[in-house]
Protein backbone atom coordinates (compact mmCIF):
# COMPACT_ATOMS: atom_id res chain seq x y z
CA UNK A 1 56.85 14.29 -11.48
CA UNK A 2 54.14 16.32 -9.79
CA UNK A 3 51.83 15.84 -12.77
CA UNK A 4 52.24 12.07 -12.51
CA UNK A 5 51.26 12.16 -8.82
CA UNK A 6 48.18 14.25 -9.57
CA UNK A 7 47.25 11.96 -12.44
CA UNK A 8 47.63 8.96 -10.14
CA UNK A 9 45.35 10.52 -7.52
CA UNK A 10 42.73 11.34 -10.15
CA UNK A 11 42.89 7.82 -11.57
CA UNK A 12 42.45 6.37 -8.09
CA UNK A 13 39.48 8.65 -7.56
CA UNK A 14 37.92 7.48 -10.78
CA UNK A 15 38.25 3.92 -9.58
CA UNK A 16 36.80 4.57 -6.12
CA UNK A 17 34.04 7.09 -6.73
CA UNK A 18 31.71 4.96 -8.88
CA UNK A 19 31.58 2.29 -6.19
CA UNK A 20 31.06 4.88 -3.47
CA UNK A 21 28.26 6.49 -5.45
CA UNK A 22 26.48 3.21 -6.21
CA UNK A 23 22.85 3.56 -5.03
CA UNK A 24 21.56 1.21 -2.36
CA UNK A 25 19.64 -1.61 -4.04
CA UNK A 26 16.25 -1.79 -2.33
CA UNK A 27 13.51 -4.26 -3.20
CA UNK A 28 9.97 -3.34 -2.10
CA UNK A 29 7.24 -5.94 -2.10
CA UNK A 30 4.57 -3.75 -3.73
CA UNK A 31 4.07 -0.42 -5.47
CA UNK A 32 2.81 1.61 -2.49
CA UNK A 33 5.95 0.72 -0.54
CA UNK A 34 8.11 1.33 -3.60
CA UNK A 35 6.87 4.90 -3.82
CA UNK A 36 7.45 5.56 -0.11
CA UNK A 37 10.98 4.14 -0.31
CA UNK A 38 11.77 6.29 -3.34
CA UNK A 39 10.54 9.44 -1.60
CA UNK A 40 12.68 8.77 1.45
CA UNK A 41 15.70 7.38 -0.40
CA UNK A 42 15.85 9.85 -3.28
CA UNK A 43 18.89 9.62 -5.52
CA UNK A 44 20.74 7.39 -3.06
CA UNK A 45 18.57 4.34 -3.66
CA UNK A 46 17.61 2.20 -6.64
CA UNK A 47 14.16 0.79 -5.94
CA UNK A 48 12.73 -2.33 -7.55
CA UNK A 49 9.09 -3.20 -6.87
CA UNK A 50 8.03 -6.82 -7.18
CA UNK A 51 4.25 -6.32 -7.35
CA UNK A 52 3.91 -3.36 -9.68
CA UNK A 53 1.11 -0.93 -10.58
CA UNK A 54 -2.37 -2.50 -10.59
CA UNK A 55 -0.81 -5.71 -9.22
CA UNK A 56 -2.30 -7.81 -6.41
CA UNK A 57 0.09 -8.79 -3.60
CA UNK A 58 -2.51 -11.21 -2.19
CA UNK A 59 -2.12 -13.62 -5.11
CA UNK A 60 1.38 -12.74 -6.37
CA UNK A 61 3.61 -15.58 -7.55
CA UNK A 62 7.33 -14.68 -7.83
CA UNK A 63 9.22 -15.46 -11.01
CA UNK A 64 12.87 -16.53 -11.44
CA UNK A 65 13.63 -12.90 -12.33
CA UNK A 66 12.14 -11.80 -9.01
CA UNK A 67 14.33 -14.35 -7.22
CA UNK A 68 17.47 -12.94 -8.84
CA UNK A 69 16.37 -9.41 -7.92
CA UNK A 70 15.95 -10.35 -4.27
CA UNK A 71 19.21 -12.26 -4.22
CA UNK A 72 21.17 -9.17 -5.29
CA UNK A 73 19.34 -6.71 -3.01
CA UNK A 74 20.95 -4.70 -0.20
CA UNK A 75 17.63 -4.25 1.63
CA UNK A 76 14.13 -5.72 1.45
CA UNK A 77 11.07 -3.67 2.43
CA UNK A 78 7.80 -5.44 3.22
CA UNK A 79 4.43 -4.35 4.56
CA UNK A 80 4.05 -7.19 7.05
CA UNK A 81 0.78 -8.06 8.85
CA UNK A 82 0.53 -11.17 6.69
CA UNK A 83 0.23 -9.39 3.33
CA UNK A 84 3.25 -11.01 1.67
CA UNK A 85 3.96 -14.47 3.13
CA UNK A 86 5.63 -15.27 -0.19
CA UNK A 87 8.39 -12.71 0.47
CA UNK A 88 9.99 -14.61 3.35
CA UNK A 89 9.88 -17.83 1.34
CA UNK A 90 11.39 -16.08 -1.66
CA UNK A 91 14.21 -14.57 0.40
CA UNK A 92 14.99 -17.93 2.00
CA UNK A 93 14.99 -19.77 -1.31
CA UNK A 94 17.47 -17.29 -2.81
CA UNK A 95 19.83 -17.33 0.17
CA UNK A 96 19.25 -13.65 0.93
CA UNK A 97 20.68 -12.85 4.37
CA UNK A 98 20.51 -9.05 4.31
CA UNK A 99 18.25 -6.78 6.36
CA UNK A 100 14.47 -6.53 6.21
CA UNK A 101 12.35 -3.47 6.95
CA UNK A 102 8.80 -4.20 8.07
CA UNK A 103 7.01 -0.95 7.29
CA UNK A 104 4.13 -1.59 9.70
CA UNK A 105 6.36 -1.90 12.78
CA UNK A 106 4.69 -0.07 15.68
CA UNK A 107 1.26 0.11 14.01
CA UNK A 108 -1.67 -1.32 15.96
CA UNK A 109 -3.28 -3.76 13.53
CA UNK A 110 -7.01 -3.93 13.01
CA UNK A 111 -8.77 -7.25 13.32
CA UNK A 112 -11.31 -8.41 10.77
CA UNK A 113 -14.72 -7.49 12.10
CA UNK A 114 -16.82 -10.40 13.27
CA UNK A 115 -20.52 -10.76 12.79
CA UNK A 116 -23.25 -12.51 10.81
CA UNK A 117 -22.60 -12.56 7.12
CA UNK A 118 -25.86 -10.80 6.38
CA UNK A 119 -24.79 -7.91 8.61
CA UNK A 120 -21.09 -7.78 7.81
CA UNK A 121 -20.64 -9.04 4.31
CA UNK A 122 -16.95 -9.39 3.65
CA UNK A 123 -15.97 -9.48 7.33
CA UNK A 124 -15.01 -12.55 9.27
CA UNK A 125 -13.88 -14.54 6.22
CA UNK A 126 -10.98 -16.95 6.49
CA UNK A 127 -8.53 -14.75 4.67
CA UNK A 128 -5.47 -16.30 3.14
CA UNK A 129 -2.29 -15.54 5.06
CA UNK A 130 -3.72 -12.78 7.27
CA UNK A 131 -5.04 -14.76 10.22
CA UNK A 132 -7.84 -12.23 10.67
CA UNK A 133 -5.43 -9.27 10.78
CA UNK A 134 -6.09 -6.45 8.33
CA UNK A 135 -2.83 -5.69 6.46
CA UNK A 136 -4.04 -2.56 4.63
CA UNK A 137 -2.60 -0.12 7.18
CA UNK A 138 -1.28 2.32 4.56
CA UNK A 139 -4.85 3.50 3.88
CA UNK A 140 -4.57 5.71 6.98
CA UNK A 141 -2.25 8.64 6.31
CA UNK A 142 -1.26 8.70 10.00
CA UNK A 143 -0.04 5.12 9.56
CA UNK A 144 1.83 6.08 6.39
CA UNK A 145 3.89 8.48 8.52
CA UNK A 146 5.00 5.49 10.62
CA UNK A 147 5.83 3.62 7.40
CA UNK A 148 8.07 6.53 6.42
CA UNK A 149 9.86 6.53 9.78
CA UNK A 150 10.48 2.78 9.63
CA UNK A 151 11.75 3.05 6.06
CA UNK A 152 14.01 5.98 6.97
CA UNK A 153 15.46 4.08 9.93
CA UNK A 154 16.03 1.01 7.78
CA UNK A 155 17.76 2.94 5.01
CA UNK A 156 19.94 4.79 7.52
CA UNK A 157 21.03 1.53 9.13
CA UNK A 158 21.77 -0.13 5.80
CA UNK A 159 23.56 2.94 4.39
CA UNK A 160 25.05 5.02 7.27
CA UNK A 161 26.90 7.56 5.05
CA UNK A 162 23.53 8.83 3.76
CA UNK A 163 21.61 8.56 7.03
CA UNK A 164 21.22 12.31 7.47
CA UNK A 165 19.86 12.65 3.93
CA UNK A 166 17.31 9.89 4.48
CA UNK A 167 16.09 11.49 7.69
CA UNK A 168 15.84 14.92 6.07
CA UNK A 169 13.87 13.46 3.15
CA UNK A 170 11.59 11.65 5.59
CA UNK A 171 10.97 14.83 7.59
CA UNK A 172 10.05 16.78 4.45
CA UNK A 173 7.77 14.02 3.19
CA UNK A 174 6.10 13.70 6.59
CA UNK A 175 5.13 17.37 6.37
CA UNK A 176 3.44 16.62 3.04
CA UNK A 177 1.60 13.73 4.64
CA UNK A 178 0.43 15.96 7.51
CA UNK A 179 -1.07 18.34 4.95
CA UNK A 180 -2.66 15.43 3.07
CA UNK A 181 -4.24 14.10 6.28
CA UNK A 182 -5.85 17.48 6.92
CA UNK A 183 -7.12 17.63 3.33
CA UNK A 184 -8.85 14.26 3.68
CA UNK A 185 -10.47 15.24 6.98
CA UNK A 186 -11.70 18.50 5.45
CA UNK A 187 -13.21 16.66 2.47
CA UNK A 188 -15.48 14.61 4.73
CA UNK A 189 -16.21 17.25 7.37
CA UNK A 190 -19.16 18.60 5.40
CA UNK A 191 -20.79 15.14 5.04
CA UNK A 192 -22.94 13.92 7.99
CA UNK A 193 -21.48 10.77 9.56
CA UNK A 194 -24.60 8.62 8.99
CA UNK A 195 -24.24 9.26 5.25
CA UNK A 196 -20.58 8.23 5.07
CA UNK A 197 -21.19 4.67 3.90
CA UNK A 198 -19.55 3.05 0.88
CA UNK A 199 -19.19 -0.38 -0.72
CA UNK A 200 -15.82 -1.55 -2.10
CA UNK A 201 -14.72 -4.70 -3.92
CA UNK A 202 -12.78 -6.22 -1.00
CA UNK A 203 -12.27 -5.24 2.62
CA UNK A 204 -9.24 -2.99 2.08
CA UNK A 205 -10.38 0.36 3.48
CA UNK A 206 -11.10 -0.23 7.18
CA UNK A 207 -8.06 1.82 8.29
CA UNK A 208 -9.24 4.62 6.01
CA UNK A 209 -12.75 4.38 7.41
CA UNK A 210 -11.56 4.43 11.02
CA UNK A 211 -9.32 7.44 10.37
CA UNK A 212 -11.92 9.52 8.54
CA UNK A 213 -15.25 8.41 9.98
CA UNK A 214 -16.58 6.21 7.18
CA UNK A 215 -18.49 2.93 7.31
CA UNK A 216 -17.23 0.49 4.70
CA UNK A 217 -18.73 -2.77 3.51
CA UNK A 218 -17.38 -5.27 1.00
CA UNK A 219 -18.62 -8.48 -0.61
CA UNK A 220 -15.26 -10.20 -0.03
CA UNK A 221 -12.88 -10.19 2.90
CA UNK A 222 -9.35 -8.93 3.51
CA UNK A 223 -7.90 -11.00 0.68
CA UNK A 224 -9.00 -10.85 -2.94
CA UNK A 225 -8.79 -14.66 -2.93
CA UNK A 226 -11.89 -15.00 -0.75
CA UNK A 227 -15.31 -15.47 -2.34
CA UNK A 228 -18.61 -14.19 -0.93
CA UNK A 229 -21.36 -16.68 -0.12
CA UNK A 230 -24.83 -16.32 -1.60
CA UNK A 231 -26.10 -15.42 1.88
CA UNK A 232 -23.51 -12.65 2.25
CA UNK A 233 -24.33 -11.25 -1.18
CA UNK A 234 -28.07 -11.22 -0.45
CA UNK A 235 -27.46 -9.56 2.91
CA UNK A 236 -25.26 -6.86 1.41
CA UNK A 237 -27.76 -6.09 -1.37
CA UNK A 238 -30.56 -5.89 1.19
CA UNK A 239 -28.50 -3.53 3.35
CA UNK A 240 -27.72 -1.25 0.39
CA UNK A 241 -31.45 -0.97 -0.37
CA UNK A 242 -32.55 -0.46 3.25
CA UNK A 243 -29.92 2.13 4.10
CA UNK A 244 -29.98 3.74 0.65
CA UNK A 245 -26.19 3.47 0.31
CA UNK A 246 -25.26 5.50 -2.74
CA UNK A 247 -21.51 5.00 -3.08
CA UNK A 248 -20.30 1.71 -4.53
CA UNK A 249 -16.85 1.30 -6.08
CA UNK A 250 -14.72 -1.14 -8.03
CA UNK A 251 -11.01 -1.44 -7.26
CA UNK A 252 -8.06 -1.42 -9.61
CA UNK A 253 -6.89 -4.88 -8.48
CA UNK A 254 -10.29 -6.61 -8.50
CA UNK A 255 -12.57 -8.06 -11.15
CA UNK A 256 -15.33 -5.44 -11.56
CA UNK A 257 -18.05 -7.96 -12.41
CA UNK A 258 -18.98 -8.68 -8.78
CA UNK A 259 -19.49 -5.00 -7.96
CA UNK A 260 -21.37 -4.49 -11.22
CA UNK A 261 -23.71 -7.34 -10.28
CA UNK A 262 -24.31 -5.86 -6.81
CA UNK A 263 -25.01 -2.47 -8.37
CA UNK A 264 -27.48 -3.96 -10.86
CA UNK A 265 -29.39 -5.91 -8.18
CA UNK A 266 -29.39 -3.16 -5.55
CA UNK A 267 -30.09 -0.20 -7.80
CA UNK A 268 -26.92 1.59 -6.68
CA UNK A 269 -24.59 3.22 -9.19
CA UNK A 270 -20.89 2.44 -9.50
CA UNK A 271 -19.07 5.63 -8.53
CA UNK A 272 -15.74 4.84 -10.17
CA UNK A 273 -12.49 3.00 -9.48
CA UNK A 274 -10.60 3.22 -6.21
CA UNK A 275 -6.95 2.29 -5.75
CA UNK A 276 -6.54 -0.04 -2.79
CA UNK A 277 -3.55 -2.40 -2.78
CA UNK A 278 -1.59 -0.93 -5.68
CA UNK A 279 -0.84 2.37 -7.38
CA UNK A 280 -1.75 3.14 -10.97
CA UNK A 281 0.81 3.19 -13.80
CA UNK A 282 2.80 6.46 -14.02
CA UNK A 283 0.31 8.02 -16.43
CA UNK A 284 -2.69 7.15 -14.23
CA UNK A 285 -4.50 9.08 -11.48
CA UNK A 286 -2.75 7.30 -8.59
CA UNK A 287 0.89 7.13 -9.62
CA UNK A 288 2.12 7.99 -6.10
CA UNK A 289 0.85 7.34 -2.60
CA UNK A 290 -0.28 10.95 -2.19
CA UNK A 291 -2.00 10.85 -5.59
CA UNK A 292 -3.77 7.62 -4.57
CA UNK A 293 -5.18 9.05 -1.35
CA UNK A 294 -6.26 12.27 -3.07
CA UNK A 295 -7.91 10.38 -5.94
CA UNK A 296 -9.79 8.02 -3.63
CA UNK A 297 -10.89 10.83 -1.33
CA UNK A 298 -12.17 13.00 -4.18
CA UNK A 299 -14.08 10.09 -5.71
CA UNK A 300 -15.66 9.02 -2.41
CA UNK A 301 -16.52 12.55 -1.23
CA UNK A 302 -18.12 13.44 -4.57
CA UNK A 303 -20.18 10.24 -4.53
CA UNK A 304 -21.41 10.90 -1.00
């Protein structure tokens, strides 16, 4: 009789445990967020990223598969600051009523810099969906630490049994980010501030520049959808020549032809490919957020 009772308990356990161990289904809008969620969530989450490696969240168009993914999610994680206006529409269209985490909560957003096109090429454009607010806050490692806290809080609220694990993972990851922040500052400390000027494909690195003392210019604005005017292009090329700006970069999400044209007309050399709005594939140099910041920093510092 005793064996039957034990067998019954074991059978019940087999029925209950798989459901209890089911990872939290989290959908992140883009690859940078997907990596942060995975680092905080660990084995207790199953992360799906809608805009994957080398993808562009500015121009993303969800598919029916994406709609089904969102519909079955337990938690949605978005950047906010106008980067993914399509995410709210997608969630509404699928009937998703679960929680959202806005990773930029508590971050002071940067405004697009105003000024004449010939002086600030790429700034002041009418950027699609942003309303003049720069959404690229993850480019500052200090901001990424706030992303991690917001993600940790969101996971803990959505999955209370694993709250302590999420917070412990977030604390450990934050220590890694503290070390990364110091590494970036050290990389630029030896370069005089007046020489810390670079050109990028679109205006995605202003948070990075503010955090680490760089001046950044771009032929297009905050969104990759914007197009530079002939006046802005001429002004940027003139500025590169006058100030002898040496570092000019393409981005993994942008068509390189515009930067190549600027390089050809200004005499500057393209210093390589930066990762701005998306990570690289797993076998690339920017497969994680930390890898991305290290790769970009090494490339920029070497060029300067």
